[in-house]
Amino acid sequence: AKTFRCHIKASQPTYSAKQIEKLTARPTSYLFCRKLLLVAGVDSNVGEDGFPYAEHDVSSSKAGNRALYFLDRCLQEYDMLAVKPSLIAAAAVYLTLSIDKRYLPWTMQLKRASGGLTEKDLIPVAEGIVKHTNSRPTTSVLQRQLDAVQKKYEGRRFQRVGATRYDMCKTMILKAI
């Protein structure tokens, strides 16, 4: 709240407080994902606001880092821009929970927290995430590979979740290969 007031004060001549609130109140797939991970009980270091207590973008668990990896990879794909951020986040959490057998892939609590999304809603988006995760995006003009996200999540800080290949089997259970 204090930071919000600083932003209002700094931009007072240009924007009103109501305009700033409207501009900053748009939820992102990151916030949806953090909230769903909290509901699933994946990250113990996540506060009620959906952000971790320690470092801003690092999860305490491999499952949490995997969900964030799926989200970041989706940001590089044009076809994923048409998908609602809440749906991408829910599909990323669904995939993450499907890999880690300690969790149920989609519970009633997650369904409620996601606004009623079912596994049937999530599967097409999850398939798109897996497809994009297993390929390397390239720029449209230079055909240069965009591998910064991949390299970031292949590092030890993110528990090497980017180094794993993911595959959907026929029963729609995700496997880490």
Protein backbone atom coordinates (compact mmCIF):
# COMPACT_ATOMS: atom_id res chain seq x y z
CA ALA A 1 0.00 0.00 0.00
CA LYS A 2 2.89 2.35 0.80
CA THR A 3 4.49 1.67 -2.60
CA PHE A 4 1.14 2.23 -4.30
CA ARG A 5 0.83 5.64 -2.62
CA CYS A 6 4.34 6.53 -3.85
CA HIS A 7 3.32 5.71 -7.41
CA ILE A 8 0.19 7.82 -7.10
CA LYS A 9 2.15 10.76 -5.71
CA ALA A 10 4.84 10.49 -8.42
CA SER A 11 2.32 10.47 -11.27
CA GLN A 12 -0.29 12.80 -9.78
CA PRO A 13 -0.13 15.48 -12.48
CA THR A 14 -0.65 12.93 -15.26
CA TYR A 15 -2.97 10.26 -13.81
CA SER A 16 -5.53 10.18 -11.04
CA ALA A 17 -5.33 7.63 -8.23
CA LYS A 18 -8.30 5.76 -9.72
CA GLN A 19 -6.60 5.55 -13.15
CA ILE A 20 -3.38 4.23 -11.62
CA GLU A 21 -5.28 1.65 -9.61
CA LYS A 22 -7.08 0.48 -12.74
CA LEU A 23 -3.81 0.20 -14.67
CA THR A 24 -2.02 -1.75 -11.95
CA ALA A 25 -4.90 -4.01 -10.90
CA ARG A 26 -4.71 -6.31 -13.94
CA PRO A 27 -3.78 -9.80 -12.80
CA THR A 28 -1.06 -11.65 -14.65
CA SER A 29 -0.58 -15.35 -15.29
CA TYR A 30 2.23 -15.20 -12.71
CA LEU A 31 -0.15 -14.06 -9.96
CA PHE A 32 -2.78 -16.64 -10.95
CA CYS A 33 -0.12 -19.35 -10.93
CA ARG A 34 1.23 -18.36 -7.51
CA LYS A 35 -2.26 -18.38 -6.03
CA LEU A 36 -3.06 -21.80 -7.51
CA LEU A 37 0.26 -23.19 -6.24
CA LEU A 38 -0.64 -21.86 -2.80
CA VAL A 39 -4.05 -23.59 -2.96
CA ALA A 40 -2.37 -26.83 -4.09
CA GLY A 41 0.06 -26.62 -1.17
CA VAL A 42 3.12 -26.64 -3.42
CA ASP A 43 5.10 -23.64 -2.16
CA SER A 44 5.57 -23.20 1.53
CA ASN A 45 7.32 -19.83 1.15
CA VAL A 46 4.48 -18.10 -0.69
CA GLY A 47 2.51 -15.46 1.15
CA GLU A 48 -1.20 -14.78 0.80
CA ASP A 49 -0.47 -12.15 -1.83
CA GLY A 50 0.92 -14.90 -4.08
CA PHE A 51 4.54 -13.78 -3.83
CA PRO A 52 7.31 -15.76 -2.14
CA TYR A 53 8.74 -14.41 1.08
CA ALA A 54 12.38 -14.87 0.08
CA GLU A 55 13.43 -14.17 -3.50
CA HIS A 56 10.85 -12.67 -5.85
CA ASP A 57 10.90 -15.14 -8.75
CA VAL A 58 12.32 -18.33 -7.27
CA SER A 59 10.13 -21.02 -5.83
CA SER A 60 11.06 -23.15 -2.84
CA SER A 61 10.11 -26.35 -4.67
CA LYS A 62 10.93 -27.98 -7.95
CA ALA A 63 7.21 -28.16 -8.73
CA GLY A 64 6.83 -24.41 -8.22
CA ASN A 65 9.82 -23.68 -10.45
CA ARG A 66 8.42 -26.00 -13.12
CA ALA A 67 5.11 -24.11 -13.17
CA LEU A 68 6.97 -20.80 -13.52
CA TYR A 69 9.05 -22.30 -16.35
CA PHE A 70 5.88 -23.29 -18.21
CA LEU A 71 4.54 -19.74 -17.80
CA ASP A 72 7.72 -18.08 -19.00
CA ARG A 73 7.89 -20.33 -22.07
CA CYS A 74 4.32 -19.37 -22.97
CA LEU A 75 5.31 -15.70 -23.03
CA GLN A 76 7.53 -16.44 -26.05
CA GLU A 77 4.79 -17.96 -28.19
CA TYR A 78 2.40 -15.86 -30.27
CA ASP A 79 -0.42 -18.41 -30.25
CA MET A 80 -0.44 -18.42 -26.45
CA LEU A 81 -1.13 -14.67 -26.36
CA ALA A 82 -4.74 -15.40 -27.32
CA VAL A 83 -5.22 -17.56 -24.20
CA LYS A 84 -6.38 -15.92 -20.98
CA PRO A 85 -3.60 -15.57 -18.37
CA SER A 86 -5.72 -17.42 -15.79
CA LEU A 87 -6.16 -20.38 -18.15
CA ILE A 88 -2.43 -20.54 -18.95
CA ALA A 89 -1.62 -20.42 -15.24
CA ALA A 90 -4.14 -23.14 -14.42
CA ALA A 91 -2.79 -25.36 -17.22
CA ALA A 92 0.79 -24.79 -16.01
CA VAL A 93 -0.19 -25.80 -12.48
CA TYR A 94 -2.14 -28.78 -13.82
CA LEU A 95 0.92 -29.96 -15.77
CA THR A 96 3.17 -29.43 -12.77
CA LEU A 97 0.92 -31.39 -10.45
CA SER A 98 0.55 -34.17 -13.03
CA ILE A 99 4.33 -34.64 -13.08
CA ASP A 100 4.81 -34.64 -9.32
CA LYS A 101 2.99 -37.72 -8.05
CA ARG A 102 2.79 -36.29 -4.52
CA TYR A 103 -0.10 -34.11 -5.68
CA LEU A 104 -3.47 -34.73 -7.28
CA PRO A 105 -3.52 -33.07 -10.73
CA TRP A 106 -6.73 -31.08 -10.27
CA THR A 107 -8.74 -30.96 -7.04
CA MET A 108 -12.07 -29.35 -6.22
CA GLN A 109 -10.21 -26.60 -4.33
CA LEU A 110 -8.18 -25.81 -7.46
CA LYS A 111 -11.31 -25.88 -9.58
CA ARG A 112 -12.96 -23.34 -7.25
CA ALA A 113 -9.82 -21.17 -7.03
CA SER A 114 -9.55 -21.08 -10.83
CA GLY A 115 -13.13 -19.95 -11.34
CA GLY A 116 -14.52 -23.39 -12.21
CA LEU A 117 -11.98 -24.60 -14.77
CA THR A 118 -12.08 -28.36 -15.31
CA GLU A 119 -9.44 -30.77 -16.58
CA LYS A 120 -11.32 -30.78 -19.88
CA ASP A 121 -10.74 -27.01 -20.14
CA LEU A 122 -7.06 -27.37 -19.23
CA ILE A 123 -5.96 -30.24 -21.48
CA PRO A 124 -5.83 -28.34 -24.83
CA VAL A 125 -3.81 -25.52 -23.25
CA ALA A 126 -1.60 -28.03 -21.44
CA GLU A 127 -0.88 -29.77 -24.75
CA GLY A 128 0.14 -26.41 -26.23
CA ILE A 129 2.46 -25.73 -23.31
CA VAL A 130 4.11 -29.13 -23.70
CA LYS A 131 4.51 -28.60 -27.45
CA HIS A 132 6.17 -25.24 -26.93
CA THR A 133 8.29 -26.42 -24.01
CA ASN A 134 9.79 -29.19 -26.12
CA SER A 135 10.68 -26.89 -29.03
CA ARG A 136 13.00 -23.92 -29.31
CA PRO A 137 11.30 -20.68 -30.35
CA THR A 138 12.94 -18.61 -33.06
CA THR A 139 12.62 -14.99 -34.11
CA SER A 140 10.46 -14.48 -37.18
CA VAL A 141 12.92 -12.26 -39.04
CA LEU A 142 16.38 -13.63 -38.32
CA GLN A 143 15.36 -17.20 -37.44
CA ARG A 144 17.58 -16.89 -34.38
CA GLN A 145 16.79 -19.17 -31.45
CA LEU A 146 15.32 -17.56 -28.35
CA ASP A 147 16.83 -19.65 -25.59
CA ALA A 148 17.21 -17.25 -22.65
CA VAL A 149 14.23 -18.71 -20.78
CA GLN A 150 15.46 -22.24 -21.44
CA LYS A 151 18.95 -21.42 -20.16
CA LYS A 152 17.56 -19.60 -17.12
CA TYR A 153 15.56 -22.64 -16.00
CA GLU A 154 18.36 -25.10 -16.82
CA GLY A 155 20.37 -23.48 -14.02
CA ARG A 156 20.81 -24.80 -10.52
CA ARG A 157 18.90 -21.84 -9.03
CA PHE A 158 15.71 -23.16 -10.65
CA GLN A 159 16.53 -26.82 -9.95
CA ARG A 160 17.21 -27.54 -13.65
CA VAL A 161 13.53 -27.84 -14.60
CA GLY A 162 14.32 -26.43 -18.06
CA ALA A 163 16.66 -29.31 -18.83
CA THR A 164 13.83 -31.86 -18.73
CA ARG A 165 11.82 -32.92 -21.77
CA TYR A 166 8.08 -33.25 -21.14
CA ASP A 167 5.69 -35.54 -22.95
CA MET A 168 1.93 -36.10 -22.83
CA CYS A 169 0.98 -39.75 -22.97
CA LYS A 170 -2.34 -40.99 -24.28
CA THR A 171 -3.99 -41.01 -20.85
CA MET A 172 -3.15 -37.28 -20.52
CA ILE A 173 -0.83 -37.89 -17.60
CA LEU A 174 2.30 -35.86 -18.04
CA LYS A 175 5.66 -37.57 -17.88
CA ALA A 176 9.08 -36.04 -17.37
CA ILE A 177 11.52 -37.82 -19.66
